[in-house]
């Protein structure tokens, strides 16, 4: 086994022969000459907010969110990149197909929240999609909307774009397939979550093309607490629209203790544990295990 460690990163353990070729804020990707066309994707315990990796990480987070992705892949009738998720792999690791990734984050919003609410207050729209007047923070939208973003290079901010811009980037057929598949997956996942007392407010998907068949393939993480905004349905009905199952606890604490200048402060143990507990609760609520 080999390990890798850098400042601001937790050490990852991977099988011998795998070489790191990409490190994101949370995930590390490895290639091996012995596994052509395959990628070892490792979800770490790192946590990020406001485009910064924070310390410390959330213990067990990588394994938890990988488990949730695997559960969702099994619920969805959509081709995905998964090859192997055996227990012989490191915690939080899966073996996946190497895909020709589209440079688009396929964001679907079913509720008005976050950056969408901020934009709506100024323009009565979200990412250029006009919305009815009089909506409040946390309101359910008349129907889910597709608001894609361009995936910027590491270290740069992603950029919200129009559907017309995605056509320019990937062509009309791929752009339509990305939109339609994203909306369909969101509808399926929303219905599954609602039956378990959970609201899927918004999420983002990533897709690639199979290099052999060209088939549109769901990749990366899917419908996890890091890529999605989940709310407790019962509390939502009482008017509490803040009971989320994601890292909002981290965002809220950081917003009150950091002016976004210089290095962010270390997360208190209480914030780390509360976040971990919310991750665990969501998985229990959705999967029943």
Protein backbone atom coordinates (compact mmCIF):
# COMPACT_ATOMS: atom_id res chain seq x y z
CA UNK A 1 0.00 0.00 0.00
CA UNK A 2 1.14 3.56 -0.61
CA UNK A 3 0.26 6.84 1.08
CA UNK A 4 0.16 10.47 0.07
CA UNK A 5 0.18 13.52 2.30
CA UNK A 6 0.23 17.27 1.61
CA UNK A 7 -0.41 20.37 3.67
CA UNK A 8 -4.14 20.73 4.19
CA UNK A 9 -4.79 17.16 3.02
CA UNK A 10 -5.45 14.00 4.93
CA UNK A 11 -3.28 11.02 4.13
CA UNK A 12 -4.90 8.59 1.68
CA UNK A 13 -3.96 4.92 1.50
CA UNK A 14 -4.24 3.29 -1.92
CA UNK A 15 -3.16 -0.08 -3.34
CA UNK A 16 0.36 -0.28 -4.76
CA UNK A 17 0.67 0.52 -8.44
CA UNK A 18 -1.88 3.34 -8.46
CA UNK A 19 -0.56 6.82 -9.26
CA UNK A 20 -2.32 10.04 -8.33
CA UNK A 21 -3.26 12.15 -11.36
CA UNK A 22 -5.90 14.50 -9.94
CA UNK A 23 -6.68 15.86 -6.49
CA UNK A 24 -9.81 17.90 -5.92
CA UNK A 25 -11.11 19.55 -2.79
CA UNK A 26 -12.53 16.23 -1.62
CA UNK A 27 -11.74 13.45 -4.12
CA UNK A 28 -8.45 11.99 -5.33
CA UNK A 29 -8.19 10.08 -8.62
CA UNK A 30 -5.57 7.42 -9.41
CA UNK A 31 -4.52 5.51 -12.53
CA UNK A 32 -2.63 2.24 -12.94
CA UNK A 33 -0.87 0.82 -15.98
CA UNK A 34 -2.32 -2.56 -15.02
CA UNK A 35 -5.91 -1.28 -15.12
CA UNK A 36 -6.27 0.49 -18.46
CA UNK A 37 -9.53 2.38 -18.84
CA UNK A 38 -10.13 2.35 -15.08
CA UNK A 39 -9.81 5.00 -12.37
CA UNK A 40 -9.59 4.52 -8.62
CA UNK A 41 -11.71 7.28 -7.08
CA UNK A 42 -11.12 7.93 -3.37
CA UNK A 43 -13.46 10.15 -1.36
CA UNK A 44 -11.52 11.63 1.53
CA UNK A 45 -12.71 12.96 4.87
CA UNK A 46 -11.84 16.49 3.74
CA UNK A 47 -14.59 19.09 3.94
CA UNK A 48 -14.75 22.30 1.94
CA UNK A 49 -16.79 25.47 2.13
CA UNK A 50 -16.55 28.75 0.24
CA UNK A 51 -14.02 27.07 -2.10
CA UNK A 52 -11.59 26.34 0.74
CA UNK A 53 -10.55 23.01 2.23
CA UNK A 54 -11.03 23.17 5.99
CA UNK A 55 -9.37 21.55 8.96
CA UNK A 56 -10.01 19.17 10.49
CA UNK A 57 -11.91 16.82 8.18
CA UNK A 58 -15.09 14.99 9.13
CA UNK A 59 -14.14 11.49 10.41
CA UNK A 60 -15.61 8.74 8.23
CA UNK A 61 -17.12 11.24 5.78
CA UNK A 62 -15.51 9.73 2.67
CA UNK A 63 -16.75 6.23 3.42
CA UNK A 64 -20.23 7.49 4.39
CA UNK A 65 -20.77 9.51 1.22
CA UNK A 66 -19.36 6.76 -0.98
CA UNK A 67 -21.86 4.35 0.58
CA UNK A 68 -24.68 6.79 -0.15
CA UNK A 69 -23.56 7.18 -3.78
CA UNK A 70 -23.50 3.39 -4.19
CA UNK A 71 -27.00 3.13 -2.76
CA UNK A 72 -28.30 5.78 -5.17
CA UNK A 73 -26.60 4.16 -8.16
CA UNK A 74 -28.57 1.01 -7.33
CA UNK A 75 -31.87 2.95 -7.25
CA UNK A 76 -31.42 4.69 -10.59
CA UNK A 77 -32.04 3.17 -14.00
CA UNK A 78 -29.24 5.20 -15.62
CA UNK A 79 -25.84 3.95 -16.85
CA UNK A 80 -23.12 4.81 -14.33
CA UNK A 81 -19.36 4.59 -14.12
CA UNK A 82 -19.14 2.02 -11.32
CA UNK A 83 -16.95 -1.07 -11.91
CA UNK A 84 -16.11 -2.35 -8.42
CA UNK A 85 -16.86 -1.32 -4.84
CA UNK A 86 -15.57 -4.43 -3.05
CA UNK A 87 -14.44 -4.41 0.57
CA UNK A 88 -10.88 -5.06 -0.61
CA UNK A 89 -10.65 -1.41 -1.71
CA UNK A 90 -9.73 1.33 0.79
CA UNK A 91 -12.57 2.99 2.71
CA UNK A 92 -14.29 5.55 0.51
CA UNK A 93 -12.78 4.13 -2.70
CA UNK A 94 -14.48 2.76 -5.81
CA UNK A 95 -13.11 1.52 -9.12
CA UNK A 96 -14.81 3.28 -12.03
CA UNK A 97 -14.69 3.54 -15.80
CA UNK A 98 -12.54 6.21 -17.34
CA UNK A 99 -14.93 8.49 -19.22
CA UNK A 100 -14.70 11.46 -21.54
CA UNK A 101 -16.13 13.90 -19.00
CA UNK A 102 -18.36 16.78 -20.04
CA UNK A 103 -17.21 20.15 -18.65
CA UNK A 104 -20.68 20.79 -17.24
CA UNK A 105 -22.07 20.58 -13.73
CA UNK A 106 -25.69 19.62 -14.25
CA UNK A 107 -27.50 21.45 -11.46
CA UNK A 108 -31.19 20.81 -10.84
CA UNK A 109 -33.18 22.90 -8.36
CA UNK A 110 -36.57 21.92 -7.03
CA UNK A 111 -36.67 24.59 -4.32
CA UNK A 112 -35.51 28.18 -4.05
CA UNK A 113 -32.49 28.35 -1.76
CA UNK A 114 -28.83 29.26 -1.42
CA UNK A 115 -27.33 31.23 -4.28
CA UNK A 116 -30.59 30.80 -6.19
CA UNK A 117 -32.47 32.75 -3.52
CA UNK A 118 -29.83 35.49 -3.57
CA UNK A 119 -30.18 35.91 -7.33
CA UNK A 120 -33.98 35.71 -7.24
CA UNK A 121 -34.18 38.66 -4.86
CA UNK A 122 -32.30 40.80 -7.37
CA UNK A 123 -33.58 39.54 -10.71
CA UNK A 124 -36.63 37.31 -10.08
CA UNK A 125 -34.73 34.57 -11.86
CA UNK A 126 -32.19 31.82 -11.14
CA UNK A 127 -29.30 31.42 -13.57
CA UNK A 128 -31.35 33.21 -16.19
CA UNK A 129 -34.51 31.10 -15.66
CA UNK A 130 -37.42 33.47 -14.96
CA UNK A 131 -39.54 32.57 -11.92
CA UNK A 132 -42.91 33.79 -10.59
CA UNK A 133 -43.01 36.83 -8.32
CA UNK A 134 -43.60 36.50 -4.59
CA UNK A 135 -41.53 33.41 -3.83
CA UNK A 136 -39.83 33.12 -0.44
CA UNK A 137 -36.57 31.55 0.64
CA UNK A 138 -37.09 27.78 0.68
CA UNK A 139 -40.25 27.74 -1.45
CA UNK A 140 -40.87 24.83 -3.78
CA UNK A 141 -40.56 25.88 -7.40
CA UNK A 142 -43.50 25.35 -9.78
CA UNK A 143 -41.34 22.69 -11.43
CA UNK A 144 -37.66 21.73 -11.14
CA UNK A 145 -35.32 23.86 -13.20
CA UNK A 146 -32.03 22.97 -14.89
CA UNK A 147 -29.28 25.51 -14.20
CA UNK A 148 -25.95 24.21 -15.57
CA UNK A 149 -22.52 25.47 -14.63
CA UNK A 150 -19.21 25.36 -16.45
CA UNK A 151 -16.62 23.33 -14.53
CA UNK A 152 -13.68 25.66 -14.12
CA UNK A 153 -10.10 24.39 -13.78
CA UNK A 154 -8.95 23.50 -10.27
CA UNK A 155 -8.48 26.64 -8.21
CA UNK A 156 -10.97 28.71 -10.18
CA UNK A 157 -14.67 29.31 -9.55
CA UNK A 158 -17.30 27.40 -11.52
CA UNK A 159 -19.44 29.67 -13.67
CA UNK A 160 -23.21 29.50 -14.03
CA UNK A 161 -24.13 29.34 -17.70
CA UNK A 162 -27.23 29.22 -19.85
CA UNK A 163 -28.47 26.16 -21.67
CA UNK A 164 -27.56 27.90 -24.91
CA UNK A 165 -23.97 28.13 -23.69
CA UNK A 166 -23.91 24.38 -23.01
CA UNK A 167 -24.96 23.85 -26.62
CA UNK A 168 -21.94 25.88 -27.70
CA UNK A 169 -19.67 23.86 -25.40
CA UNK A 170 -20.82 20.28 -26.08
CA UNK A 171 -23.20 20.43 -29.04
CA UNK A 172 -27.01 20.36 -29.20
CA UNK A 173 -27.51 16.61 -28.79
CA UNK A 174 -25.23 16.24 -25.76
CA UNK A 175 -26.61 19.42 -24.18
CA UNK A 176 -30.19 18.16 -24.49
CA UNK A 177 -29.24 14.72 -23.16
CA UNK A 178 -27.48 16.23 -20.14
CA UNK A 179 -30.50 18.42 -19.34
CA UNK A 180 -33.17 15.77 -19.89
CA UNK A 181 -31.32 13.03 -18.02
CA UNK A 182 -30.56 15.33 -15.10
CA UNK A 183 -34.20 16.35 -14.75
CA UNK A 184 -35.36 12.73 -15.00
CA UNK A 185 -32.90 11.51 -12.36
CA UNK A 186 -33.87 14.38 -10.07
CA UNK A 187 -37.55 13.49 -10.39
CA UNK A 188 -36.87 9.84 -9.54
CA UNK A 189 -34.62 10.69 -6.61
CA UNK A 190 -37.03 13.30 -5.25
CA UNK A 191 -39.86 10.80 -5.17
CA UNK A 192 -37.70 8.21 -3.40
CA UNK A 193 -36.53 10.76 -0.82
CA UNK A 194 -40.05 12.08 -0.17
CA UNK A 195 -41.27 8.56 0.65
CA UNK A 196 -38.64 8.56 3.39
CA UNK A 197 -39.56 11.93 4.83
CA UNK A 198 -36.71 13.80 3.16
CA UNK A 199 -36.85 16.69 0.68
CA UNK A 200 -34.28 16.83 -2.11
CA UNK A 201 -34.10 20.58 -2.61
CA UNK A 202 -31.35 20.68 -5.22
CA UNK A 203 -28.39 18.66 -6.49
CA UNK A 204 -25.70 18.54 -9.13
CA UNK A 205 -24.72 15.69 -11.44
CA UNK A 206 -21.68 15.04 -13.57
CA UNK A 207 -21.69 12.95 -16.72
CA UNK A 208 -19.21 11.58 -19.19
CA UNK A 209 -19.35 9.72 -22.48
CA UNK A 210 -18.22 6.09 -22.57
CA UNK A 211 -15.12 6.25 -24.80
CA UNK A 212 -16.11 2.99 -26.51
CA UNK A 213 -19.88 3.29 -26.95
CA UNK A 214 -20.42 7.03 -26.55
CA UNK A 215 -23.19 6.28 -24.03
CA UNK A 216 -24.07 9.06 -21.59
CA UNK A 217 -22.87 7.84 -18.19
CA UNK A 218 -23.49 9.17 -14.70
CA UNK A 219 -20.17 9.75 -12.91
CA UNK A 220 -18.49 11.06 -9.77
CA UNK A 221 -20.60 11.18 -6.60
CA UNK A 222 -24.37 11.18 -6.92
CA UNK A 223 -27.01 12.63 -4.59
CA UNK A 224 -24.71 12.84 -1.57
CA UNK A 225 -24.79 15.36 1.24
CA UNK A 226 -21.90 17.19 -0.44
CA UNK A 227 -23.50 17.46 -3.87
CA UNK A 228 -27.10 17.97 -2.73
CA UNK A 229 -29.27 19.98 -0.37
CA UNK A 230 -31.57 17.76 1.71
CA UNK A 231 -34.17 18.90 4.24
CA UNK A 232 -36.28 17.16 6.88
CA UNK A 233 -39.79 17.10 5.39
CA UNK A 234 -41.64 17.12 8.73
CA UNK A 235 -39.69 20.13 10.00
CA UNK A 236 -40.12 21.87 6.65
CA UNK A 237 -43.89 21.62 7.05
CA UNK A 238 -43.64 23.41 10.41
CA UNK A 239 -41.81 26.28 8.75
CA UNK A 240 -38.26 25.24 9.70
CA UNK A 241 -36.35 25.42 6.43
CA UNK A 242 -32.90 25.20 8.00
CA UNK A 243 -32.81 21.56 9.12
CA UNK A 244 -30.53 20.35 6.35
CA UNK A 245 -28.65 17.06 6.09
CA UNK A 246 -25.52 18.51 4.55
CA UNK A 247 -22.55 20.68 5.51
CA UNK A 248 -24.72 23.75 6.11
CA UNK A 249 -23.67 23.51 9.76
CA UNK A 250 -20.09 24.11 8.62
CA UNK A 251 -21.06 26.95 6.27
CA UNK A 252 -23.09 28.72 8.96
CA UNK A 253 -20.35 28.47 11.57
CA UNK A 254 -17.68 29.60 9.13
CA UNK A 255 -19.77 32.55 7.93
CA UNK A 256 -19.98 33.78 11.50
CA UNK A 257 -16.30 33.29 12.31
CA UNK A 258 -14.40 34.14 9.13
CA UNK A 259 -14.36 37.16 6.85
CA UNK A 260 -13.04 35.08 3.91
CA UNK A 261 -9.66 36.80 4.17
CA UNK A 262 -6.59 34.70 4.94
CA UNK A 263 -6.71 31.12 6.11
CA UNK A 264 -10.05 29.90 7.49
CA UNK A 265 -10.15 29.00 11.19
CA UNK A 266 -10.06 25.42 12.40
CA UNK A 267 -13.47 23.86 12.88
CA UNK A 268 -14.47 23.23 16.51
CA UNK A 269 -14.98 19.62 17.58
CA UNK A 270 -18.68 20.27 18.16
CA UNK A 271 -19.20 21.45 14.57
CA UNK A 272 -17.30 18.44 13.23
CA UNK A 273 -19.39 15.98 15.25
CA UNK A 274 -22.72 17.66 14.48
CA UNK A 275 -21.92 17.56 10.76
CA UNK A 276 -20.90 13.91 10.92
CA UNK A 277 -24.11 13.10 12.78
CA UNK A 278 -26.24 14.77 10.09
CA UNK A 279 -24.44 12.79 7.38
CA UNK A 280 -25.13 9.57 9.27
CA UNK A 281 -28.76 10.45 9.91
CA UNK A 282 -29.44 11.11 6.22
CA UNK A 283 -28.03 7.74 5.21
CA UNK A 284 -30.14 6.02 7.88
CA UNK A 285 -33.27 7.89 6.79
CA UNK A 286 -32.80 7.11 3.09
CA UNK A 287 -31.45 3.57 3.17
CA UNK A 288 -32.97 2.25 6.39
CA UNK A 289 -29.61 0.85 7.53
